[in-house]
Amino acid sequence: MERYWEVFIQSFGDFAGYTWREITFQVDPWYVNYFWWLIILSLAVWVLEIVFPWRKNQPIIRKDFWLDAFYMFFNFYIYKLVVFMAFSNVTELAFKNLFGGNLSELALIDISGMHWGLQLLIFFVATDFIQWFTHVLLHRFDVLWQFHKIHHSVEQMGFAAHLRYHWMENVFYTPMKYIAVMLIGGFAPEQAYIVFYFAIAIGHLNHANVHLTYGPLKYILNNPVMHLWHHAYNLPEGRKHGINFGISLSIWDYIFRTNSIPQDDGTIDLGFPGDESIPTTFWGQLWYGFGKRK
């Protein structure tokens, strides 16, 4: 138990120090600077929204734009600094202790001998499927849906809505991601930033006010048209738990038949029945989902 406490406490200083090094351009190598990557990516996608808007009547500074912008940095940095990195590190230690310290023995496949590019592809596909499956659970079980409602309370879609989600979602996603890591043996994490950058870029585009489908690649990559319907207020008949659960990849929805794009003119209402009960402030949303449900 003492070891868990040491890891928990040390995590705060480690992450705070690393974040400061990112902000002040002291990260080595320079291209793993997530802080400035997030800012540059966000500005680039925002420019796309301004120059090539899909919903032309939507304001550039849409409803809840600044709230969602704050969520990006809250979920990426503030929340991680306050508790999440400590929780994540303790979770990793717990998994190692639970399975004797050597998680590689649980691996279903060993990819250590493969080219690093193939390693990244396998890691990306495996973790994306885990996230897709977790996302489905967030919609299927009411106790999880209460937290996921925060993400679905967006009324006007834009890139910053990508990272507008309740902090409890990290608590659900993290152990599931560790399962994926456990099942893949020999993965070299040095290049994992490539997967991370790609996933964040796809997520930003999926929520952006741009009309992209990627042609034939729409059956593989998630896209803004498909994901807009995930946020539809009026879901297709017989799909009360939702549609289009893909995170970066759409292929899982096509495989498991949870895909649906009834139209693609971008004029649909967003939200869900009862979304008027969602607090409109960050502090109200921060603790939403814990109270007694009406």
Protein backbone atom coordinates (compact mmCIF):
# COMPACT_ATOMS: atom_id res chain seq x y z
CA MET A 1 0.00 0.00 0.00
CA GLU A 2 2.92 2.33 0.75
CA ARG A 3 4.21 1.84 -2.79
CA TYR A 4 0.83 2.89 -4.24
CA TRP A 5 0.93 6.06 -2.15
CA GLU A 6 4.47 6.88 -3.30
CA VAL A 7 3.48 6.47 -6.95
CA PHE A 8 0.35 8.56 -6.38
CA ILE A 9 2.25 11.47 -4.79
CA GLN A 10 5.18 11.38 -7.22
CA SER A 11 2.83 11.59 -10.20
CA PHE A 12 1.81 15.17 -9.40
CA GLY A 13 5.33 16.58 -9.50
CA ASP A 14 6.33 14.52 -12.53
CA PHE A 15 3.40 15.64 -14.65
CA ALA A 16 3.58 19.27 -13.50
CA GLY A 17 7.27 19.37 -14.41
CA TYR A 18 6.70 17.78 -17.80
CA THR A 19 3.83 20.15 -18.59
CA TRP A 20 5.99 23.16 -17.76
CA ARG A 21 8.75 21.85 -20.01
CA GLU A 22 6.21 21.54 -22.83
CA ILE A 23 4.95 25.09 -22.36
CA THR A 24 8.50 26.49 -22.30
CA PHE A 25 9.73 24.39 -25.25
CA GLN A 26 12.11 22.29 -23.18
CA VAL A 27 10.77 18.90 -24.29
CA ASP A 28 13.25 16.63 -26.04
CA PRO A 29 12.62 15.60 -28.74
CA TRP A 30 10.66 18.73 -29.70
CA TYR A 31 8.01 16.89 -31.73
CA VAL A 32 6.46 15.19 -28.69
CA ASN A 33 5.29 18.55 -27.35
CA TYR A 34 1.60 17.77 -26.88
CA PHE A 35 0.74 21.20 -25.47
CA TRP A 36 1.70 23.20 -28.54
CA TRP A 37 0.60 20.43 -30.88
CA LEU A 38 -2.92 20.75 -29.44
CA ILE A 39 -2.91 24.53 -29.91
CA ILE A 40 -1.57 24.40 -33.49
CA LEU A 41 -3.95 21.60 -34.47
CA SER A 42 -6.94 23.40 -32.95
CA LEU A 43 -6.14 26.63 -34.79
CA ALA A 44 -5.64 24.77 -38.08
CA VAL A 45 -8.99 22.97 -37.85
CA TRP A 46 -10.71 26.18 -36.74
CA VAL A 47 -9.39 27.89 -39.87
CA LEU A 48 -10.89 25.06 -41.94
CA GLU A 49 -14.23 25.68 -40.22
CA ILE A 50 -14.02 29.40 -41.01
CA VAL A 51 -12.93 29.01 -44.65
CA PHE A 52 -15.00 25.91 -45.55
CA PRO A 53 -18.02 25.88 -43.20
CA TRP A 54 -20.48 23.04 -43.69
CA ARG A 55 -23.28 24.67 -41.68
CA LYS A 56 -22.94 28.20 -43.07
CA ASN A 57 -25.45 29.71 -40.65
CA GLN A 58 -23.42 28.55 -37.64
CA PRO A 59 -21.43 31.38 -36.00
CA ILE A 60 -17.63 31.20 -36.02
CA ILE A 61 -17.79 31.66 -32.25
CA ARG A 62 -20.57 29.12 -31.84
CA LYS A 63 -22.58 28.46 -28.69
CA ASP A 64 -20.35 27.12 -25.88
CA PHE A 65 -17.20 27.71 -27.96
CA TRP A 66 -15.21 29.04 -25.00
CA LEU A 67 -16.58 26.41 -22.64
CA ASP A 68 -15.43 23.67 -25.02
CA ALA A 69 -12.06 25.37 -25.50
CA PHE A 70 -11.59 25.31 -21.73
CA TYR A 71 -12.56 21.63 -21.66
CA MET A 72 -9.72 20.88 -24.09
CA PHE A 73 -7.13 22.14 -21.65
CA PHE A 74 -8.98 20.89 -18.60
CA ASN A 75 -9.16 17.29 -19.81
CA PHE A 76 -5.69 17.40 -21.36
CA TYR A 77 -3.82 19.10 -18.54
CA ILE A 78 -5.65 20.43 -15.47
CA TYR A 79 -7.53 17.23 -14.71
CA LYS A 80 -4.45 15.15 -15.41
CA LEU A 81 -2.42 17.33 -13.05
CA VAL A 82 -5.01 17.26 -10.27
CA VAL A 83 -5.73 13.53 -10.25
CA PHE A 84 -5.70 11.58 -13.50
CA MET A 85 -1.99 10.94 -13.96
CA ALA A 86 -1.81 9.72 -10.39
CA PHE A 87 -4.84 7.48 -11.00
CA SER A 88 -3.34 6.21 -14.25
CA ASN A 89 0.03 5.37 -12.68
CA VAL A 90 -1.60 3.64 -9.73
CA THR A 91 -3.79 1.66 -12.14
CA GLU A 92 -0.69 0.56 -14.07
CA LEU A 93 1.00 -0.54 -10.84
CA ALA A 94 -2.14 -2.41 -9.77
CA PHE A 95 -2.25 -4.32 -13.06
CA LYS A 96 1.39 -5.26 -12.72
CA ASN A 97 0.95 -6.43 -9.13
CA LEU A 98 -2.22 -8.32 -9.99
CA PHE A 99 -0.52 -10.26 -12.77
CA GLY A 100 2.87 -10.78 -11.19
CA GLY A 101 4.63 -7.74 -12.60
CA ASN A 102 5.18 -9.12 -16.09
CA LEU A 103 2.27 -8.16 -18.29
CA SER A 104 3.99 -9.55 -21.38
CA GLU A 105 3.07 -13.08 -20.27
CA LEU A 106 -0.59 -12.21 -20.91
CA ALA A 107 0.02 -11.05 -24.46
CA LEU A 108 -1.92 -12.77 -27.21
CA ILE A 109 0.58 -11.67 -29.86
CA ASP A 110 4.21 -10.54 -29.80
CA ILE A 111 4.93 -7.73 -32.23
CA SER A 112 8.47 -6.92 -31.06
CA GLY A 113 10.00 -8.41 -34.21
CA MET A 114 7.80 -6.41 -36.58
CA HIS A 115 8.65 -3.16 -38.34
CA TRP A 116 7.89 -0.16 -36.12
CA GLY A 117 5.28 1.07 -38.59
CA LEU A 118 3.37 -2.21 -38.41
CA GLN A 119 3.67 -2.12 -34.61
CA LEU A 120 2.05 1.30 -34.59
CA LEU A 121 -0.74 0.17 -36.90
CA ILE A 122 -1.57 -2.85 -34.74
CA PHE A 123 -1.43 -0.75 -31.57
CA PHE A 124 -3.64 1.93 -33.13
CA VAL A 125 -6.27 -0.52 -34.39
CA ALA A 126 -6.36 -2.46 -31.10
CA THR A 127 -6.69 0.61 -28.87
CA ASP A 128 -9.27 2.16 -31.19
CA PHE A 129 -11.42 -0.96 -30.97
CA ILE A 130 -11.18 -0.88 -27.17
CA GLN A 131 -12.29 2.74 -27.21
CA TRP A 132 -15.13 1.95 -29.61
CA PHE A 133 -16.32 -0.84 -27.31
CA THR A 134 -16.07 1.41 -24.24
CA HIS A 135 -18.00 4.12 -26.10
CA VAL A 136 -20.78 1.65 -26.80
CA LEU A 137 -20.93 0.82 -23.09
CA LEU A 138 -21.24 4.53 -22.25
CA HIS A 139 -24.45 4.56 -24.28
CA ARG A 140 -25.83 1.18 -23.24
CA PHE A 141 -25.64 1.47 -19.46
CA ASP A 142 -27.49 4.28 -17.73
CA VAL A 143 -24.96 4.73 -14.93
CA LEU A 144 -22.30 5.45 -17.59
CA TRP A 145 -24.61 7.42 -19.86
CA GLN A 146 -25.22 9.96 -17.08
CA PHE A 147 -21.60 11.08 -17.40
CA HIS A 148 -21.47 10.79 -21.18
CA LYS A 149 -24.42 13.15 -21.44
CA ILE A 150 -22.02 16.06 -20.97
CA HIS A 151 -20.41 15.33 -24.32
CA HIS A 152 -23.81 14.97 -25.97
CA SER A 153 -25.12 18.25 -24.57
CA VAL A 154 -23.34 20.11 -27.40
CA GLU A 155 -25.93 22.06 -29.39
CA GLN A 156 -23.66 23.46 -32.12
CA MET A 157 -20.85 21.19 -33.29
CA GLY A 158 -17.29 22.42 -33.63
CA PHE A 159 -13.76 21.08 -33.28
CA ALA A 160 -13.44 21.95 -29.58
CA ALA A 161 -16.42 19.73 -28.73
CA HIS A 162 -14.05 16.81 -29.31
CA LEU A 163 -12.59 17.11 -25.81
CA ARG A 164 -15.74 18.24 -24.03
CA TYR A 165 -16.43 15.23 -21.88
CA HIS A 166 -16.96 14.41 -18.21
CA TRP A 167 -13.75 13.62 -16.34
CA MET A 168 -15.25 10.30 -15.18
CA GLU A 169 -14.98 9.00 -18.74
CA ASN A 170 -11.20 8.79 -18.29
CA VAL A 171 -11.81 6.55 -15.30
CA PHE A 172 -13.69 4.12 -17.56
CA TYR A 173 -11.41 4.33 -20.59
CA THR A 174 -8.07 3.96 -18.83
CA PRO A 175 -8.41 0.39 -17.46
CA MET A 176 -9.83 -0.70 -20.82
CA LYS A 177 -6.79 0.74 -22.63
CA TYR A 178 -4.49 -1.15 -20.28
CA ILE A 179 -6.22 -4.36 -21.33
CA ALA A 180 -5.29 -3.60 -24.95
CA VAL A 181 -1.69 -2.90 -23.96
CA MET A 182 -1.56 -6.14 -21.96
CA LEU A 183 -2.77 -8.21 -24.90
CA ILE A 184 -0.12 -6.82 -27.26
CA GLY A 185 3.36 -7.91 -26.34
CA GLY A 186 6.57 -6.27 -27.51
CA PHE A 187 5.16 -2.90 -28.46
CA ALA A 188 7.84 -0.18 -28.37
CA PRO A 189 6.15 2.97 -26.97
CA GLU A 190 8.81 5.37 -28.31
CA GLN A 191 6.73 6.06 -31.44
CA ALA A 192 3.33 6.08 -29.71
CA TYR A 193 3.11 9.86 -30.11
CA ILE A 194 2.36 9.28 -33.82
CA VAL A 195 -0.78 7.30 -32.94
CA PHE A 196 -1.71 9.92 -30.37
CA TYR A 197 -1.32 12.84 -32.81
CA PHE A 198 -3.29 11.05 -35.50
CA ALA A 199 -6.14 10.17 -33.14
CA ILE A 200 -6.43 13.73 -31.83
CA ALA A 201 -6.41 15.14 -35.38
CA ILE A 202 -9.16 12.74 -36.50
CA GLY A 203 -11.19 13.56 -33.39
CA HIS A 204 -10.93 17.30 -34.02
CA LEU A 205 -12.01 16.86 -37.64
CA ASN A 206 -14.89 14.57 -36.68
CA HIS A 207 -16.39 17.36 -34.57
CA ALA A 208 -15.49 20.22 -36.92
CA ASN A 209 -17.98 22.21 -38.96
CA VAL A 210 -16.59 20.88 -42.25
CA HIS A 211 -18.08 18.49 -44.78
CA LEU A 212 -15.70 15.56 -45.11
CA THR A 213 -16.42 11.90 -45.88
CA TYR A 214 -13.02 10.78 -47.33
CA GLY A 215 -14.68 8.97 -50.27
CA PRO A 216 -14.18 5.18 -50.13
CA LEU A 217 -12.14 5.62 -46.94
CA LYS A 218 -15.37 6.50 -45.12
CA TYR A 219 -15.73 2.76 -44.44
CA ILE A 220 -12.46 2.86 -42.51
CA LEU A 221 -12.05 6.36 -41.10
CA ASN A 222 -14.60 8.16 -38.97
CA ASN A 223 -15.64 11.51 -40.43
CA PRO A 224 -17.62 14.67 -39.60
CA VAL A 225 -20.76 13.57 -41.45
CA MET A 226 -20.89 10.22 -39.72
CA HIS A 227 -20.09 11.63 -36.30
CA LEU A 228 -22.62 14.45 -36.55
CA TRP A 229 -25.31 11.78 -36.67
CA HIS A 230 -23.85 10.23 -33.54
CA HIS A 231 -24.89 13.48 -31.83
CA ALA A 232 -28.35 13.61 -33.45
CA TYR A 233 -31.26 14.54 -31.20
CA ASN A 234 -33.65 12.35 -33.20
CA LEU A 235 -32.00 8.99 -33.76
CA PRO A 236 -33.16 6.57 -36.48
CA GLU A 237 -35.96 4.22 -35.47
CA GLY A 238 -34.76 1.22 -33.48
CA ARG A 239 -31.46 2.88 -32.54
CA LYS A 240 -32.35 4.29 -29.12
CA HIS A 241 -28.86 3.57 -27.73
CA GLY A 242 -27.15 5.50 -30.51
CA ILE A 243 -25.30 5.05 -33.79
CA ASN A 244 -21.82 5.64 -35.23
CA PHE A 245 -19.75 4.99 -32.11
CA GLY A 246 -16.40 5.11 -33.93
CA ILE A 247 -13.57 7.10 -32.40
CA SER A 248 -10.94 7.27 -35.14
CA LEU A 249 -12.11 4.30 -37.22
CA SER A 250 -15.60 3.82 -38.64
CA ILE A 251 -14.97 0.22 -39.65
CA TRP A 252 -16.22 -1.14 -36.30
CA ASP A 253 -19.63 0.42 -36.89
CA TYR A 254 -19.86 -1.13 -40.33
CA ILE A 255 -18.74 -4.52 -39.02
CA PHE A 256 -21.16 -4.54 -36.07
CA ARG A 257 -23.93 -2.72 -37.96
CA THR A 258 -24.15 0.28 -35.70
CA ASN A 259 -23.64 2.67 -38.64
CA SER A 260 -26.27 5.03 -40.02
CA ILE A 261 -26.18 8.26 -42.07
CA PRO A 262 -29.81 9.07 -43.01
CA GLN A 263 -28.78 12.39 -44.62
CA ASP A 264 -25.70 14.57 -44.89
CA ASP A 265 -26.88 18.17 -45.17
CA GLY A 266 -25.78 18.97 -41.61
CA THR A 267 -29.09 20.54 -40.56
CA ILE A 268 -30.10 18.03 -37.89
CA ASP A 269 -30.76 19.01 -34.28
CA LEU A 270 -28.15 17.89 -31.79
CA GLY A 271 -28.48 16.69 -28.21
CA PHE A 272 -30.85 14.20 -26.60
CA PRO A 273 -34.32 14.21 -25.01
CA GLY A 274 -33.98 15.86 -21.62
CA ASP A 275 -30.74 17.70 -22.41
CA GLU A 276 -32.25 20.87 -20.98
CA SER A 277 -31.47 19.42 -17.54
CA ILE A 278 -27.71 19.57 -18.20
CA PRO A 279 -26.02 22.45 -16.33
CA THR A 280 -24.75 25.16 -18.63
CA THR A 281 -21.65 26.00 -16.58
CA PHE A 282 -18.41 24.06 -16.23
CA TRP A 283 -18.75 23.77 -12.46
CA GLY A 284 -22.27 22.45 -12.80
CA GLN A 285 -21.17 19.88 -15.37
CA LEU A 286 -18.12 18.91 -13.29
CA TRP A 287 -20.25 17.06 -10.75
CA TYR A 288 -23.13 16.07 -13.00
CA GLY A 289 -23.96 12.36 -12.97
CA PHE A 290 -23.30 11.71 -9.29
CA GLY A 291 -26.63 12.94 -7.97
CA LYS A 292 -29.91 11.06 -7.78
CA ARG A 293 -31.45 10.72 -11.21
CA LYS A 294 -34.92 12.08 -11.75
